[in-house]
Amino acid sequence: MSDPVSPFKGKTGLARVINAAGYSWAGLTAAFKYEDAFRQEVFLALLLIPLALFLGHTGIERALMIAAVLGVLIVELLNSAVEAAVDRISLEHHQLIKRAKDMGSAAVMIALANVAAVWALVLLG
């Protein structure tokens, strides 16, 4: 027996890359439009990334500082995706829904703590 295949699969090559870019752009714009935390973190990134380029003394320092900031955006996007999927399934108060949302929030908190740690180590080290 063969594995089931999604009817949405099938594009290959350049068509797949173009479609993927469109889906990614749609995801970014949806997050910016509907997620307050993502908007706040984007504005923070717009401040911190140029600052990292200025304050970092080496390419490695700059890369670490920027990667930590971008990591927050990545984790926030994943957290928002989990929340949207869970909300689509049910809006009722359920312990598993709470657990999923709390874990996503914890991931964002750890990503933010990582920014603080990386920046402190680079700037004070």
C-alpha atoms as a PDB file:
ATOM      1  CA  MET A   1       0.000   0.000   0.000  1.00  0.00           C
ATOM      2  CA  SER A   2       1.330   3.445  -0.870  1.00  0.00           C
ATOM      3  CA  ASP A   3       1.517   6.409   1.475  1.00  0.00           C
ATOM      4  CA  PRO A   4      -1.305   8.926   1.150  1.00  0.00           C
ATOM      5  CA  VAL A   5      -0.221  12.082  -0.618  1.00  0.00           C
ATOM      6  CA  SER A   6      -1.702  15.512  -0.076  1.00  0.00           C
ATOM      7  CA  PRO A   7      -3.563  16.865  -3.107  1.00  0.00           C
ATOM      8  CA  PHE A   8      -1.736  20.145  -2.499  1.00  0.00           C
ATOM      9  CA  LYS A   9       1.635  18.556  -3.276  1.00  0.00           C
ATOM     10  CA  GLY A  10       2.961  18.113  -6.765  1.00  0.00           C
ATOM     11  CA  LYS A  11       4.709  21.294  -7.796  1.00  0.00           C
ATOM     12  CA  THR A  12       8.410  20.878  -8.355  1.00  0.00           C
ATOM     13  CA  GLY A  13      11.330  23.016  -9.417  1.00  0.00           C
ATOM     14  CA  LEU A  14      10.894  26.739  -9.879  1.00  0.00           C
ATOM     15  CA  ALA A  15       7.090  26.573  -9.559  1.00  0.00           C
ATOM     16  CA  ARG A  16       7.490  25.072  -6.085  1.00  0.00           C
ATOM     17  CA  VAL A  17       9.963  27.771  -5.046  1.00  0.00           C
ATOM     18  CA  ILE A  18       7.651  30.525  -6.310  1.00  0.00           C
ATOM     19  CA  ASN A  19       4.637  29.011  -4.547  1.00  0.00           C
ATOM     20  CA  ALA A  20       6.621  28.564  -1.326  1.00  0.00           C
ATOM     21  CA  ALA A  21       7.747  32.193  -1.436  1.00  0.00           C
ATOM     22  CA  GLY A  22       4.134  33.298  -1.866  1.00  0.00           C
ATOM     23  CA  TYR A  23       2.982  31.159   1.074  1.00  0.00           C
ATOM     24  CA  SER A  24       5.815  32.506   3.208  1.00  0.00           C
ATOM     25  CA  TRP A  25       4.956  36.101   2.332  1.00  0.00           C
ATOM     26  CA  ALA A  26       1.283  35.427   3.125  1.00  0.00           C
ATOM     27  CA  GLY A  27       2.320  33.989   6.491  1.00  0.00           C
ATOM     28  CA  LEU A  28       4.471  36.995   7.331  1.00  0.00           C
ATOM     29  CA  THR A  29       1.757  39.475   6.377  1.00  0.00           C
ATOM     30  CA  ALA A  30      -0.894  37.526   8.312  1.00  0.00           C
ATOM     31  CA  ALA A  31       1.314  37.436  11.406  1.00  0.00           C
ATOM     32  CA  PHE A  32       2.013  41.153  11.127  1.00  0.00           C
ATOM     33  CA  LYS A  33      -1.671  41.952  10.621  1.00  0.00           C
ATOM     34  CA  TYR A  34      -3.173  39.717  13.313  1.00  0.00           C
ATOM     35  CA  GLU A  35      -0.475  39.153  15.943  1.00  0.00           C
ATOM     36  CA  ASP A  36       0.386  42.058  18.240  1.00  0.00           C
ATOM     37  CA  ALA A  37       3.405  40.271  19.711  1.00  0.00           C
ATOM     38  CA  PHE A  38       4.848  39.612  16.239  1.00  0.00           C
ATOM     39  CA  ARG A  39       4.445  43.281  15.292  1.00  0.00           C
ATOM     40  CA  GLN A  40       6.207  44.354  18.502  1.00  0.00           C
ATOM     41  CA  GLU A  41       9.044  41.911  17.863  1.00  0.00           C
ATOM     42  CA  VAL A  42       9.410  43.082  14.256  1.00  0.00           C
ATOM     43  CA  PHE A  43       9.764  46.669  15.467  1.00  0.00           C
ATOM     44  CA  LEU A  44      12.288  45.505  18.062  1.00  0.00           C
ATOM     45  CA  ALA A  45      14.195  43.677  15.302  1.00  0.00           C
ATOM     46  CA  LEU A  46      14.180  46.823  13.144  1.00  0.00           C
ATOM     47  CA  LEU A  47      15.892  48.579  16.046  1.00  0.00           C
ATOM     48  CA  LEU A  48      18.239  45.812  17.175  1.00  0.00           C
ATOM     49  CA  ILE A  49      19.553  44.535  13.834  1.00  0.00           C
ATOM     50  CA  PRO A  50      21.127  47.860  12.774  1.00  0.00           C
ATOM     51  CA  LEU A  51      22.356  48.260  16.353  1.00  0.00           C
ATOM     52  CA  ALA A  52      24.014  44.825  16.139  1.00  0.00           C
ATOM     53  CA  LEU A  53      25.778  45.874  12.951  1.00  0.00           C
ATOM     54  CA  PHE A  54      27.085  48.951  14.746  1.00  0.00           C
ATOM     55  CA  LEU A  55      27.956  47.391  18.129  1.00  0.00           C
ATOM     56  CA  GLY A  56      29.392  44.081  16.973  1.00  0.00           C
ATOM     57  CA  HIS A  57      33.134  44.211  16.484  1.00  0.00           C
ATOM     58  CA  THR A  58      33.489  41.110  14.325  1.00  0.00           C
ATOM     59  CA  GLY A  59      31.359  39.356  11.773  1.00  0.00           C
ATOM     60  CA  ILE A  60      30.773  36.526  14.246  1.00  0.00           C
ATOM     61  CA  GLU A  61      29.527  38.923  16.928  1.00  0.00           C
ATOM     62  CA  ARG A  62      27.202  40.637  14.483  1.00  0.00           C
ATOM     63  CA  ALA A  63      25.930  37.306  13.179  1.00  0.00           C
ATOM     64  CA  LEU A  64      25.244  35.973  16.669  1.00  0.00           C
ATOM     65  CA  MET A  65      23.382  39.110  17.725  1.00  0.00           C
ATOM     66  CA  ILE A  66      21.274  39.190  14.554  1.00  0.00           C
ATOM     67  CA  ALA A  67      20.594  35.437  14.631  1.00  0.00           C
ATOM     68  CA  ALA A  68      19.320  35.695  18.208  1.00  0.00           C
ATOM     69  CA  VAL A  69      16.904  38.465  17.201  1.00  0.00           C
ATOM     70  CA  LEU A  70      15.699  36.571  14.122  1.00  0.00           C
ATOM     71  CA  GLY A  71      15.263  33.502  16.327  1.00  0.00           C
ATOM     72  CA  VAL A  72      12.602  35.366  18.305  1.00  0.00           C
ATOM     73  CA  LEU A  73      10.671  36.096  15.097  1.00  0.00           C
ATOM     74  CA  ILE A  74      10.903  32.452  14.036  1.00  0.00           C
ATOM     75  CA  VAL A  75       9.684  31.156  17.386  1.00  0.00           C
ATOM     76  CA  GLU A  76       6.878  33.742  17.487  1.00  0.00           C
ATOM     77  CA  LEU A  77       5.700  32.648  14.029  1.00  0.00           C
ATOM     78  CA  LEU A  78       5.635  29.012  15.155  1.00  0.00           C
ATOM     79  CA  ASN A  79       3.851  29.955  18.381  1.00  0.00           C
ATOM     80  CA  SER A  80       1.248  31.928  16.439  1.00  0.00           C
ATOM     81  CA  ALA A  81       0.770  28.997  14.045  1.00  0.00           C
ATOM     82  CA  VAL A  82       0.156  26.613  16.950  1.00  0.00           C
ATOM     83  CA  GLU A  83      -2.318  29.050  18.515  1.00  0.00           C
ATOM     84  CA  ALA A  84      -4.196  29.517  15.242  1.00  0.00           C
ATOM     85  CA  ALA A  85      -4.417  25.764  14.643  1.00  0.00           C
ATOM     86  CA  VAL A  86      -5.562  25.096  18.205  1.00  0.00           C
ATOM     87  CA  ASP A  87      -8.153  27.875  18.028  1.00  0.00           C
ATOM     88  CA  ARG A  88      -9.436  26.407  14.752  1.00  0.00           C
ATOM     89  CA  ILE A  89      -9.946  23.059  16.457  1.00  0.00           C
ATOM     90  CA  SER A  90     -11.749  24.453  19.503  1.00  0.00           C
ATOM     91  CA  LEU A  91     -12.232  27.674  21.439  1.00  0.00           C
ATOM     92  CA  GLU A  92     -13.355  25.815  24.577  1.00  0.00           C
ATOM     93  CA  HIS A  93     -11.220  25.924  27.694  1.00  0.00           C
ATOM     94  CA  HIS A  94      -9.363  22.632  27.753  1.00  0.00           C
ATOM     95  CA  GLN A  95      -6.226  21.630  29.644  1.00  0.00           C
ATOM     96  CA  LEU A  96      -4.449  20.363  26.503  1.00  0.00           C
ATOM     97  CA  ILE A  97      -5.209  23.582  24.613  1.00  0.00           C
ATOM     98  CA  LYS A  98      -3.874  25.595  27.557  1.00  0.00           C
ATOM     99  CA  ARG A  99      -0.779  23.415  27.683  1.00  0.00           C
ATOM    100  CA  ALA A 100      -0.082  23.878  23.953  1.00  0.00           C
ATOM    101  CA  LYS A 101      -0.474  27.652  24.174  1.00  0.00           C
ATOM    102  CA  ASP A 102       1.602  27.890  27.351  1.00  0.00           C
ATOM    103  CA  MET A 103       4.404  25.850  25.780  1.00  0.00           C
ATOM    104  CA  GLY A 104       4.432  28.131  22.747  1.00  0.00           C
ATOM    105  CA  SER A 105       4.606  31.139  25.032  1.00  0.00           C
ATOM    106  CA  ALA A 106       7.453  29.537  26.973  1.00  0.00           C
ATOM    107  CA  ALA A 107       9.368  28.992  23.720  1.00  0.00           C
ATOM    108  CA  VAL A 108       9.068  32.700  22.901  1.00  0.00           C
ATOM    109  CA  MET A 109      10.213  33.612  26.413  1.00  0.00           C
ATOM    110  CA  ILE A 110      13.292  31.393  26.049  1.00  0.00           C
ATOM    111  CA  ALA A 111      14.066  32.947  22.656  1.00  0.00           C
ATOM    112  CA  LEU A 112      13.868  36.417  24.225  1.00  0.00           C
ATOM    113  CA  ALA A 113      16.117  35.304  27.104  1.00  0.00           C
ATOM    114  CA  ASN A 114      18.545  34.021  24.466  1.00  0.00           C
ATOM    115  CA  VAL A 115      18.658  37.497  22.889  1.00  0.00           C
ATOM    116  CA  ALA A 116      19.478  39.014  26.261  1.00  0.00           C
ATOM    117  CA  ALA A 117      22.175  36.403  26.963  1.00  0.00           C
ATOM    118  CA  VAL A 118      23.833  36.631  23.541  1.00  0.00           C
ATOM    119  CA  TRP A 119      23.823  40.418  23.525  1.00  0.00           C
ATOM    120  CA  ALA A 120      25.163  40.593  27.096  1.00  0.00           C
ATOM    121  CA  LEU A 121      27.938  38.095  26.359  1.00  0.00           C
ATOM    122  CA  VAL A 122      28.930  39.886  23.155  1.00  0.00           C
ATOM    123  CA  LEU A 123      28.790  43.395  24.582  1.00  0.00           C
ATOM    124  CA  LEU A 124      30.258  42.633  28.007  1.00  0.00           C
ATOM    125  CA  GLY A 125      32.606  39.806  26.992  1.00  0.00           C
END
